[in-house]
């Protein structure tokens, strides 16, 4: 599992750019988890970028967002997300017990 700090770093990782060029050290993930509110490039832009790359089109993408806004959910799926998880909506009053699942403004890439 690899964490990146923001949307641009996620794109650099996925594109194998700069320090992420070594695929032995930074393999393409089998699953991408994005936050819609990532810095420098939001989750919507990241989903859209991934879906334009022929070698990444089949990569599953999950959105983890505090937003339960139906417009956000619809847009994420329309752009190509495979799942949309909103811990606040799913956990309700138990959210505080669950603790942080994803650092704000980050992405997780699962090998």
Foldseek 3Di string as FASTA:
>chain_A
DDKDQALVVVVCLQVCHDPNVPCVVRPAFQEKEAEQQAPPAGPLRSLLVQCVDPVRVPRAYEYEYCDPDPVVVVSSVVSPHPYYHRLCVVQPPCSVVVPDDDDPNMMDGHD
